[in-house]
Amino acid sequence: MSIYIDMNQTTLANSIQISGIGLHTGVDVNLKLKPAPENTGYIFVRTDLDNFEIPASVEFVGHCSYATTLVRRGVVLSTCEHLLSALRGAGIDNCFIELDNIEIPILDGSSENFYDLILNTGKVEQDAPKRFLQVLQKVDFVQDDRKMSIEPADRFEIDCVIDFKHPFINRQTFHFVADNGSYGREIASARTFGFTHEIDTLRKANLALGGSLDNAIVLTGDGMLNETPLRFDDEFVRHKILDIIGDVALVGMPILGKITAEKSGHAVHAALMSKMLKTDGAWEIVESK
């Protein structure tokens, strides 16, 4: 018998305004998080394009090389995973996300600023019961040495493994269980990271144009360029979990299930969610009780 949180859906108590630059595009962007009605989920609104709406849904995932990009009718929204991770981690179910450019601001490369602003603003309980996607059978996705699966569980948890040939990383594992405040304590402040040998390739592809030591951990062959220390010894695998939480938020509601990921990435996360949703009998929607 599964145990569900006795709680209704939630939205923000007030609007939140944030400004920053896009990690990959380098553009200035103004962001506003606004309360939304029950059963809305997360909806991005491009205020620079006549308030064009892009729901945060697996259905609209475009390409996922170095970030998760949504595309609807040719309108693009890039690098949405950190904000979605913070919203899900803070327990917000419904939110309008207004922005006036193509990419969500990167801020410090983690979800901490988003998460803290959401907590400080507060949330309000709505009338409709909270809905969960309950996983009923195991679904796997494998691509070369990248593996990811989701299976039944009474709560949301993630087992994650990463492996990079770098003295600061090597093989890191972390087991995350979503309970009261664990996201804020263990995951929210873990920053995105990259390698100096990738920078030229990224820039030639018009990516990482807004990247700096203020919004990413930049690793050299045997160390890092940042002068500030790591926030955790295993900050890298924690950031991978942050990304997974943001990417699986695209199913549209909290998940009751266990994810196991090894060397995964944004494209693998999206592929697994899409495969699960298309698999008959793999899931059902349940309400809190």
C-alpha atoms as a PDB file:
ATOM      1  CA  MET A   1       0.000   0.000   0.000  1.00  0.00           C
ATOM      2  CA  SER A   2       1.517   3.326  -1.047  1.00  0.00           C
ATOM      3  CA  ILE A   3       1.580   6.239   1.363  1.00  0.00           C
ATOM      4  CA  TYR A   4       0.777   9.642  -0.124  1.00  0.00           C
ATOM      5  CA  ILE A   5       1.425  13.041   1.388  1.00  0.00           C
ATOM      6  CA  ASP A   6      -1.805  14.395   2.841  1.00  0.00           C
ATOM      7  CA  MET A   7      -1.703  17.650   0.919  1.00  0.00           C
ATOM      8  CA  ASN A   8      -3.514  19.545  -1.801  1.00  0.00           C
ATOM      9  CA  GLN A   9      -1.921  21.166  -4.818  1.00  0.00           C
ATOM     10  CA  THR A  10       0.138  24.302  -4.196  1.00  0.00           C
ATOM     11  CA  THR A  11       1.143  27.482  -5.970  1.00  0.00           C
ATOM     12  CA  LEU A  12       3.247  30.505  -5.066  1.00  0.00           C
ATOM     13  CA  ALA A  13       1.909  32.898  -2.440  1.00  0.00           C
ATOM     14  CA  ASN A  14       3.197  35.877  -4.490  1.00  0.00           C
ATOM     15  CA  SER A  15       5.049  36.609  -7.716  1.00  0.00           C
ATOM     16  CA  ILE A  16       8.861  36.485  -7.879  1.00  0.00           C
ATOM     17  CA  GLN A  17      11.040  38.552 -10.218  1.00  0.00           C
ATOM     18  CA  ILE A  18      14.546  37.460 -11.243  1.00  0.00           C
ATOM     19  CA  SER A  19      17.024  38.805 -13.811  1.00  0.00           C
ATOM     20  CA  GLY A  20      20.202  37.259 -15.166  1.00  0.00           C
ATOM     21  CA  ILE A  21      21.982  35.954 -18.240  1.00  0.00           C
ATOM     22  CA  GLY A  22      21.532  32.752 -20.206  1.00  0.00           C
ATOM     23  CA  LEU A  23      24.350  30.229 -19.843  1.00  0.00           C
ATOM     24  CA  HIS A  24      24.445  29.217 -23.498  1.00  0.00           C
ATOM     25  CA  THR A  25      23.093  32.284 -25.308  1.00  0.00           C
ATOM     26  CA  GLY A  26      24.618  34.955 -23.065  1.00  0.00           C
ATOM     27  CA  VAL A  27      21.428  37.033 -23.445  1.00  0.00           C
ATOM     28  CA  ASP A  28      19.967  39.181 -20.668  1.00  0.00           C
ATOM     29  CA  VAL A  29      16.644  37.821 -19.474  1.00  0.00           C
ATOM     30  CA  ASN A  30      13.972  38.933 -17.030  1.00  0.00           C
ATOM     31  CA  LEU A  31      11.979  36.168 -15.384  1.00  0.00           C
ATOM     32  CA  LYS A  32       8.782  36.325 -13.376  1.00  0.00           C
ATOM     33  CA  LEU A  33       7.278  33.384 -11.486  1.00  0.00           C
ATOM     34  CA  LYS A  34       3.554  33.846 -10.890  1.00  0.00           C
ATOM     35  CA  PRO A  35       0.818  31.930  -9.050  1.00  0.00           C
ATOM     36  CA  ALA A  36      -1.279  29.651 -11.289  1.00  0.00           C
ATOM     37  CA  PRO A  37      -4.645  27.897 -10.870  1.00  0.00           C
ATOM     38  CA  GLU A  38      -5.089  24.251  -9.892  1.00  0.00           C
ATOM     39  CA  ASN A  39      -4.116  21.614 -12.466  1.00  0.00           C
ATOM     40  CA  THR A  40      -2.043  24.127 -14.480  1.00  0.00           C
ATOM     41  CA  GLY A  41       1.350  22.562 -13.912  1.00  0.00           C
ATOM     42  CA  TYR A  42       4.283  24.665 -15.085  1.00  0.00           C
ATOM     43  CA  ILE A  43       3.746  26.878 -18.125  1.00  0.00           C
ATOM     44  CA  PHE A  44       6.438  29.055 -19.693  1.00  0.00           C
ATOM     45  CA  VAL A  45       5.180  32.313 -21.183  1.00  0.00           C
ATOM     46  CA  ARG A  46       7.366  34.205 -23.697  1.00  0.00           C
ATOM     47  CA  THR A  47       6.315  37.809 -22.985  1.00  0.00           C
ATOM     48  CA  ASP A  48       8.519  39.006 -25.869  1.00  0.00           C
ATOM     49  CA  LEU A  49       6.426  36.907 -28.277  1.00  0.00           C
ATOM     50  CA  ASP A  50       2.844  37.979 -27.481  1.00  0.00           C
ATOM     51  CA  ASN A  51       2.723  35.793 -24.352  1.00  0.00           C
ATOM     52  CA  PHE A  52       3.255  32.586 -26.325  1.00  0.00           C
ATOM     53  CA  GLU A  53       2.848  29.601 -23.992  1.00  0.00           C
ATOM     54  CA  ILE A  54       5.063  26.510 -23.819  1.00  0.00           C
ATOM     55  CA  PRO A  55       3.908  23.955 -21.239  1.00  0.00           C
ATOM     56  CA  ALA A  56       6.706  22.208 -19.340  1.00  0.00           C
ATOM     57  CA  SER A  57       6.020  18.828 -20.924  1.00  0.00           C
ATOM     58  CA  VAL A  58       8.009  15.903 -22.329  1.00  0.00           C
ATOM     59  CA  GLU A  59       5.902  16.412 -25.460  1.00  0.00           C
ATOM     60  CA  PHE A  60       7.790  19.628 -26.277  1.00  0.00           C
ATOM     61  CA  VAL A  61      11.360  18.516 -25.583  1.00  0.00           C
ATOM     62  CA  GLY A  62      13.490  19.615 -28.523  1.00  0.00           C
ATOM     63  CA  HIS A  63      17.210  18.937 -28.358  1.00  0.00           C
ATOM     64  CA  CYS A  64      19.131  18.039 -25.217  1.00  0.00           C
ATOM     65  CA  SER A  65      22.860  18.272 -25.787  1.00  0.00           C
ATOM     66  CA  TYR A  66      24.132  20.479 -22.963  1.00  0.00           C
ATOM     67  CA  ALA A  67      20.751  21.626 -21.622  1.00  0.00           C
ATOM     68  CA  THR A  68      17.067  20.761 -21.923  1.00  0.00           C
ATOM     69  CA  THR A  69      15.346  22.806 -24.610  1.00  0.00           C
ATOM     70  CA  LEU A  70      11.609  22.985 -25.232  1.00  0.00           C
ATOM     71  CA  VAL A  71      10.201  23.797 -28.683  1.00  0.00           C
ATOM     72  CA  ARG A  72       6.579  24.503 -29.573  1.00  0.00           C
ATOM     73  CA  ARG A  73       5.529  25.711 -33.019  1.00  0.00           C
ATOM     74  CA  GLY A  74       9.067  26.884 -33.672  1.00  0.00           C
ATOM     75  CA  VAL A  75       9.310  28.888 -30.450  1.00  0.00           C
ATOM     76  CA  VAL A  76      12.286  27.845 -28.346  1.00  0.00           C
ATOM     77  CA  LEU A  77      12.901  27.889 -24.615  1.00  0.00           C
ATOM     78  CA  SER A  78      16.323  26.794 -23.417  1.00  0.00           C
ATOM     79  CA  THR A  79      17.941  25.552 -20.186  1.00  0.00           C
ATOM     80  CA  CYS A  80      14.759  25.033 -18.184  1.00  0.00           C
ATOM     81  CA  GLU A  81      15.983  22.172 -15.974  1.00  0.00           C
ATOM     82  CA  HIS A  82      17.421  24.111 -13.008  1.00  0.00           C
ATOM     83  CA  LEU A  83      14.286  26.197 -12.483  1.00  0.00           C
ATOM     84  CA  LEU A  84      11.973  23.192 -12.882  1.00  0.00           C
ATOM     85  CA  SER A  85      14.149  21.297 -10.408  1.00  0.00           C
ATOM     86  CA  ALA A  86      13.772  24.100  -7.848  1.00  0.00           C
ATOM     87  CA  LEU A  87       9.987  24.283  -8.299  1.00  0.00           C
ATOM     88  CA  ARG A  88       9.606  20.525  -7.886  1.00  0.00           C
ATOM     89  CA  GLY A  89      12.081  20.458  -5.000  1.00  0.00           C
ATOM     90  CA  ALA A  90      10.142  23.209  -3.220  1.00  0.00           C
ATOM     91  CA  GLY A  91       6.841  21.352  -3.687  1.00  0.00           C
ATOM     92  CA  ILE A  92       5.194  23.855  -6.042  1.00  0.00           C
ATOM     93  CA  ASP A  93       2.640  22.229  -8.351  1.00  0.00           C
ATOM     94  CA  ASN A  94       1.324  25.141 -10.418  1.00  0.00           C
ATOM     95  CA  CYS A  95       3.246  28.134 -11.744  1.00  0.00           C
ATOM     96  CA  PHE A  96       3.334  30.547 -14.685  1.00  0.00           C
ATOM     97  CA  ILE A  97       6.927  31.303 -15.718  1.00  0.00           C
ATOM     98  CA  GLU A  98       7.143  34.532 -17.719  1.00  0.00           C
ATOM     99  CA  LEU A  99      10.360  35.445 -19.518  1.00  0.00           C
ATOM    100  CA  ASP A 100      11.352  37.951 -22.189  1.00  0.00           C
ATOM    101  CA  ASN A 101      14.049  35.978 -23.990  1.00  0.00           C
ATOM    102  CA  ILE A 102      15.022  32.535 -25.214  1.00  0.00           C
ATOM    103  CA  GLU A 103      16.762  31.113 -22.132  1.00  0.00           C
ATOM    104  CA  ILE A 104      16.184  30.804 -18.376  1.00  0.00           C
ATOM    105  CA  PRO A 105      18.888  32.738 -16.445  1.00  0.00           C
ATOM    106  CA  ILE A 106      21.688  30.535 -15.119  1.00  0.00           C
ATOM    107  CA  LEU A 107      22.281  32.582 -11.911  1.00  0.00           C
ATOM    108  CA  ASP A 108      25.065  30.765  -9.988  1.00  0.00           C
ATOM    109  CA  GLY A 109      24.760  27.491 -11.947  1.00  0.00           C
ATOM    110  CA  SER A 110      22.707  25.728  -9.290  1.00  0.00           C
ATOM    111  CA  SER A 111      19.051  25.874  -8.208  1.00  0.00           C
ATOM    112  CA  GLU A 112      19.759  27.493  -4.859  1.00  0.00           C
ATOM    113  CA  ASN A 113      18.745  31.057  -5.750  1.00  0.00           C
ATOM    114  CA  PHE A 114      15.485  29.902  -7.335  1.00  0.00           C
ATOM    115  CA  TYR A 115      14.782  27.567  -4.426  1.00  0.00           C
ATOM    116  CA  ASP A 116      15.468  30.174  -1.733  1.00  0.00           C
ATOM    117  CA  LEU A 117      13.304  32.774  -3.460  1.00  0.00           C
ATOM    118  CA  ILE A 118      10.439  30.281  -3.705  1.00  0.00           C
ATOM    119  CA  LEU A 119      10.732  29.308  -0.032  1.00  0.00           C
ATOM    120  CA  ASN A 120      10.942  32.958   1.082  1.00  0.00           C
ATOM    121  CA  THR A 121       7.893  33.868  -1.011  1.00  0.00           C
ATOM    122  CA  GLY A 122       5.942  30.949   0.384  1.00  0.00           C
ATOM    123  CA  LYS A 123       3.302  28.695  -1.113  1.00  0.00           C
ATOM    124  CA  VAL A 124      -0.443  28.476  -0.709  1.00  0.00           C
ATOM    125  CA  GLU A 125      -2.528  25.331  -0.638  1.00  0.00           C
ATOM    126  CA  GLN A 126      -5.227  25.066  -3.273  1.00  0.00           C
ATOM    127  CA  ASP A 127      -8.550  23.210  -3.224  1.00  0.00           C
ATOM    128  CA  ALA A 128      -7.717  20.349  -5.603  1.00  0.00           C
ATOM    129  CA  PRO A 129      -5.973  17.220  -4.266  1.00  0.00           C
ATOM    130  CA  LYS A 130      -2.314  16.787  -5.164  1.00  0.00           C
ATOM    131  CA  ARG A 131      -1.789  14.376  -8.054  1.00  0.00           C
ATOM    132  CA  PHE A 132       1.115  11.971  -8.448  1.00  0.00           C
ATOM    133  CA  LEU A 133       2.350   9.781 -11.258  1.00  0.00           C
ATOM    134  CA  GLN A 134       2.641   6.372  -9.594  1.00  0.00           C
ATOM    135  CA  VAL A 135       5.072   4.040 -11.381  1.00  0.00           C
ATOM    136  CA  LEU A 136       3.605   0.527 -11.717  1.00  0.00           C
ATOM    137  CA  GLN A 137       6.302  -1.349 -13.618  1.00  0.00           C
ATOM    138  CA  LYS A 138       9.988  -0.972 -14.354  1.00  0.00           C
ATOM    139  CA  VAL A 139      10.983   0.826 -17.557  1.00  0.00           C
ATOM    140  CA  ASP A 140      14.600   0.940 -18.825  1.00  0.00           C
ATOM    141  CA  PHE A 141      16.450   3.058 -21.343  1.00  0.00           C
ATOM    142  CA  VAL A 142      19.992   2.180 -22.457  1.00  0.00           C
ATOM    143  CA  GLN A 143      22.207   4.066 -24.903  1.00  0.00           C
ATOM    144  CA  ASP A 144      25.748   2.669 -25.122  1.00  0.00           C
ATOM    145  CA  ASP A 145      27.136   2.985 -21.562  1.00  0.00           C
ATOM    146  CA  ARG A 146      24.390   5.399 -20.493  1.00  0.00           C
ATOM    147  CA  LYS A 147      21.687   3.662 -18.492  1.00  0.00           C
ATOM    148  CA  MET A 148      18.553   4.836 -16.753  1.00  0.00           C
ATOM    149  CA  SER A 149      15.507   3.101 -15.320  1.00  0.00           C
ATOM    150  CA  ILE A 150      12.443   3.896 -13.254  1.00  0.00           C
ATOM    151  CA  GLU A 151      10.589   1.375 -11.094  1.00  0.00           C
ATOM    152  CA  PRO A 152       7.780   1.266  -8.521  1.00  0.00           C
ATOM    153  CA  ALA A 153       8.369   2.840  -5.094  1.00  0.00           C
ATOM    154  CA  ASP A 154       6.267   4.463  -2.373  1.00  0.00           C
ATOM    155  CA  ARG A 155       8.267   7.693  -2.598  1.00  0.00           C
ATOM    156  CA  PHE A 156      10.477   9.580  -5.058  1.00  0.00           C
ATOM    157  CA  GLU A 157      14.115   8.560  -4.913  1.00  0.00           C
ATOM    158  CA  ILE A 158      17.149   8.590  -7.191  1.00  0.00           C
ATOM    159  CA  ASP A 159      20.258   6.397  -7.265  1.00  0.00           C
ATOM    160  CA  CYS A 160      22.826   8.144  -9.454  1.00  0.00           C
ATOM    161  CA  VAL A 161      26.335   7.238 -10.638  1.00  0.00           C
ATOM    162  CA  ILE A 162      28.688   9.424 -12.666  1.00  0.00           C
ATOM    163  CA  ASP A 163      32.182   8.557 -13.875  1.00  0.00           C
ATOM    164  CA  PHE A 164      34.649  11.091 -15.286  1.00  0.00           C
ATOM    165  CA  LYS A 165      38.406  10.615 -15.625  1.00  0.00           C
ATOM    166  CA  HIS A 166      39.246  13.625 -13.471  1.00  0.00           C
ATOM    167  CA  PRO A 167      40.840  13.664  -9.991  1.00  0.00           C
ATOM    168  CA  PHE A 168      38.008  15.807  -8.583  1.00  0.00           C
ATOM    169  CA  ILE A 169      35.291  13.446  -9.847  1.00  0.00           C
ATOM    170  CA  ASN A 170      36.224   9.883 -10.860  1.00  0.00           C
ATOM    171  CA  ARG A 171      33.289   7.650  -9.855  1.00  0.00           C
ATOM    172  CA  GLN A 172      30.710   9.354  -7.637  1.00  0.00           C
ATOM    173  CA  THR A 173      27.436   7.901  -6.348  1.00  0.00           C
ATOM    174  CA  PHE A 174      24.596   9.481  -4.418  1.00  0.00           C
ATOM    175  CA  HIS A 175      21.240   8.224  -3.180  1.00  0.00           C
ATOM    176  CA  PHE A 176      18.592  10.934  -2.913  1.00  0.00           C
ATOM    177  CA  VAL A 177      15.251  10.483  -1.182  1.00  0.00           C
ATOM    178  CA  ALA A 178      12.684  13.264  -1.503  1.00  0.00           C
ATOM    179  CA  ASP A 179      11.484  14.035   1.984  1.00  0.00           C
ATOM    180  CA  ASN A 180      10.904  17.191   4.008  1.00  0.00           C
ATOM    181  CA  GLY A 181      13.645  19.651   3.046  1.00  0.00           C
ATOM    182  CA  SER A 182      16.107  17.095   1.639  1.00  0.00           C
ATOM    183  CA  TYR A 183      16.261  18.882  -1.731  1.00  0.00           C
ATOM    184  CA  GLY A 184      17.331  22.134  -0.109  1.00  0.00           C
ATOM    185  CA  ARG A 185      19.909  20.466   2.123  1.00  0.00           C
ATOM    186  CA  GLU A 186      21.453  18.033  -0.344  1.00  0.00           C
ATOM    187  CA  ILE A 187      20.831  19.099  -3.943  1.00  0.00           C
ATOM    188  CA  ALA A 188      19.808  22.742  -4.558  1.00  0.00           C
ATOM    189  CA  SER A 189      23.260  24.332  -4.193  1.00  0.00           C
ATOM    190  CA  ALA A 190      25.171  21.885  -6.448  1.00  0.00           C
ATOM    191  CA  ARG A 191      26.499  23.801  -9.470  1.00  0.00           C
ATOM    192  CA  THR A 192      26.779  22.857 -13.113  1.00  0.00           C
ATOM    193  CA  PHE A 193      30.253  21.970 -14.343  1.00  0.00           C
ATOM    194  CA  GLY A 194      32.287  21.769 -17.513  1.00  0.00           C
ATOM    195  CA  PHE A 195      35.810  21.179 -18.779  1.00  0.00           C
ATOM    196  CA  THR A 196      38.261  23.666 -20.288  1.00  0.00           C
ATOM    197  CA  HIS A 197      38.903  21.292 -23.215  1.00  0.00           C
ATOM    198  CA  GLU A 198      35.216  21.594 -24.172  1.00  0.00           C
ATOM    199  CA  ILE A 199      35.069  25.389 -24.216  1.00  0.00           C
ATOM    200  CA  ASP A 200      36.275  25.941 -27.803  1.00  0.00           C
ATOM    201  CA  THR A 201      33.884  23.302 -29.135  1.00  0.00           C
ATOM    202  CA  LEU A 202      30.966  24.795 -27.194  1.00  0.00           C
ATOM    203  CA  ARG A 203      31.702  28.358 -28.301  1.00  0.00           C
ATOM    204  CA  LYS A 204      31.989  27.291 -31.954  1.00  0.00           C
ATOM    205  CA  ALA A 205      28.506  25.755 -31.565  1.00  0.00           C
ATOM    206  CA  ASN A 206      27.261  29.052 -30.080  1.00  0.00           C
ATOM    207  CA  LEU A 207      26.954  27.443 -26.653  1.00  0.00           C
ATOM    208  CA  ALA A 208      28.263  28.495 -23.213  1.00  0.00           C
ATOM    209  CA  LEU A 209      28.403  32.113 -24.432  1.00  0.00           C
ATOM    210  CA  GLY A 210      27.275  33.283 -20.984  1.00  0.00           C
ATOM    211  CA  GLY A 211      29.413  30.822 -19.035  1.00  0.00           C
ATOM    212  CA  SER A 212      31.831  32.112 -16.404  1.00  0.00           C
ATOM    213  CA  LEU A 213      33.413  31.125 -13.105  1.00  0.00           C
ATOM    214  CA  ASP A 214      30.444  32.854 -11.451  1.00  0.00           C
ATOM    215  CA  ASN A 215      27.950  30.330 -12.843  1.00  0.00           C
ATOM    216  CA  ALA A 216      29.834  27.067 -13.378  1.00  0.00           C
ATOM    217  CA  ILE A 217      32.620  24.890 -12.032  1.00  0.00           C
ATOM    218  CA  VAL A 218      35.272  24.901 -14.769  1.00  0.00           C
ATOM    219  CA  LEU A 219      37.639  21.930 -14.597  1.00  0.00           C
ATOM    220  CA  THR A 220      41.153  21.840 -16.036  1.00  0.00           C
ATOM    221  CA  GLY A 221      43.060  18.630 -16.731  1.00  0.00           C
ATOM    222  CA  ASP A 222      43.940  18.116 -13.076  1.00  0.00           C
ATOM    223  CA  GLY A 223      42.139  20.828 -11.098  1.00  0.00           C
ATOM    224  CA  MET A 224      39.678  23.681 -11.507  1.00  0.00           C
ATOM    225  CA  LEU A 225      39.820  27.359 -12.471  1.00  0.00           C
ATOM    226  CA  ASN A 226      37.416  28.468  -9.712  1.00  0.00           C
ATOM    227  CA  GLU A 227      39.045  29.960  -6.637  1.00  0.00           C
ATOM    228  CA  THR A 228      36.032  29.251  -4.428  1.00  0.00           C
ATOM    229  CA  PRO A 229      35.968  25.684  -3.062  1.00  0.00           C
ATOM    230  CA  LEU A 230      33.512  22.962  -3.973  1.00  0.00           C
ATOM    231  CA  ARG A 231      30.266  23.126  -1.975  1.00  0.00           C
ATOM    232  CA  PHE A 232      30.344  19.338  -1.486  1.00  0.00           C
ATOM    233  CA  ASP A 233      33.093  16.807  -2.165  1.00  0.00           C
ATOM    234  CA  ASP A 234      30.584  15.090  -4.457  1.00  0.00           C
ATOM    235  CA  GLU A 235      29.020  18.266  -5.867  1.00  0.00           C
ATOM    236  CA  PHE A 236      29.189  16.822  -9.391  1.00  0.00           C
ATOM    237  CA  VAL A 237      26.890  13.827  -8.841  1.00  0.00           C
ATOM    238  CA  ARG A 238      24.559  16.011  -6.758  1.00  0.00           C
ATOM    239  CA  HIS A 239      24.228  18.392  -9.707  1.00  0.00           C
ATOM    240  CA  LYS A 240      23.397  15.447 -11.955  1.00  0.00           C
ATOM    241  CA  ILE A 241      20.541  14.603  -9.576  1.00  0.00           C
ATOM    242  CA  LEU A 242      19.441  18.258  -9.688  1.00  0.00           C
ATOM    243  CA  ASP A 243      19.253  17.948 -13.497  1.00  0.00           C
ATOM    244  CA  ILE A 244      17.339  14.653 -13.307  1.00  0.00           C
ATOM    245  CA  ILE A 245      14.737  16.178 -10.961  1.00  0.00           C
ATOM    246  CA  GLY A 246      14.273  19.107 -13.349  1.00  0.00           C
ATOM    247  CA  ASP A 247      14.033  16.924 -16.438  1.00  0.00           C
ATOM    248  CA  VAL A 248      11.559  14.432 -14.949  1.00  0.00           C
ATOM    249  CA  ALA A 249       9.396  17.368 -13.800  1.00  0.00           C
ATOM    250  CA  LEU A 250       8.400  17.451 -17.481  1.00  0.00           C
ATOM    251  CA  VAL A 251       5.993  14.545 -16.840  1.00  0.00           C
ATOM    252  CA  GLY A 252       3.753  17.205 -15.314  1.00  0.00           C
ATOM    253  CA  MET A 253       3.392  16.062 -11.712  1.00  0.00           C
ATOM    254  CA  PRO A 254       5.444  14.601  -8.846  1.00  0.00           C
ATOM    255  CA  ILE A 255       6.521  10.992  -9.335  1.00  0.00           C
ATOM    256  CA  LEU A 256       6.223   8.090  -6.916  1.00  0.00           C
ATOM    257  CA  GLY A 257       8.994   5.822  -8.134  1.00  0.00           C
ATOM    258  CA  LYS A 258      12.707   5.081  -7.957  1.00  0.00           C
ATOM    259  CA  ILE A 259      15.089   6.259 -10.669  1.00  0.00           C
ATOM    260  CA  THR A 260      18.459   4.591 -11.205  1.00  0.00           C
ATOM    261  CA  ALA A 261      20.852   6.495 -13.484  1.00  0.00           C
ATOM    262  CA  GLU A 262      24.395   5.750 -14.615  1.00  0.00           C
ATOM    263  CA  LYS A 263      26.291   8.207 -16.828  1.00  0.00           C
ATOM    264  CA  SER A 264      22.960   9.674 -17.918  1.00  0.00           C
ATOM    265  CA  GLY A 265      22.341  13.049 -19.556  1.00  0.00           C
ATOM    266  CA  HIS A 266      19.472  15.309 -20.567  1.00  0.00           C
ATOM    267  CA  ALA A 267      18.654  13.313 -23.725  1.00  0.00           C
ATOM    268  CA  VAL A 268      18.568  10.050 -21.755  1.00  0.00           C
ATOM    269  CA  HIS A 269      16.332  11.594 -19.065  1.00  0.00           C
ATOM    270  CA  ALA A 270      13.854  12.774 -21.711  1.00  0.00           C
ATOM    271  CA  ALA A 271      13.969   9.456 -23.565  1.00  0.00           C
ATOM    272  CA  LEU A 272      13.192   7.453 -20.423  1.00  0.00           C
ATOM    273  CA  MET A 273      10.254   9.704 -19.452  1.00  0.00           C
ATOM    274  CA  SER A 274       8.865   9.521 -22.975  1.00  0.00           C
ATOM    275  CA  LYS A 275       9.223   5.721 -23.078  1.00  0.00           C
ATOM    276  CA  MET A 276       7.556   5.354 -19.677  1.00  0.00           C
ATOM    277  CA  LEU A 277       4.601   7.536 -20.639  1.00  0.00           C
ATOM    278  CA  LYS A 278       4.105   5.518 -23.837  1.00  0.00           C
ATOM    279  CA  THR A 279       4.317   2.126 -22.075  1.00  0.00           C
ATOM    280  CA  ASP A 280       0.864   0.686 -21.396  1.00  0.00           C
ATOM    281  CA  GLY A 281       0.339  -0.178 -17.745  1.00  0.00           C
ATOM    282  CA  ALA A 282       3.625   1.384 -16.591  1.00  0.00           C
ATOM    283  CA  TRP A 283       1.979   4.141 -14.547  1.00  0.00           C
ATOM    284  CA  GLU A 284      -1.228   5.592 -13.225  1.00  0.00           C
ATOM    285  CA  ILE A 285      -2.273   8.946 -11.789  1.00  0.00           C
ATOM    286  CA  VAL A 286      -3.196   8.856  -8.119  1.00  0.00           C
ATOM    287  CA  GLU A 287      -4.452  11.577  -5.776  1.00  0.00           C
ATOM    288  CA  SER A 288      -3.245  12.391  -2.270  1.00  0.00           C
ATOM    289  CA  LYS A 289      -5.331  10.933   0.496  1.00  0.00           C
END
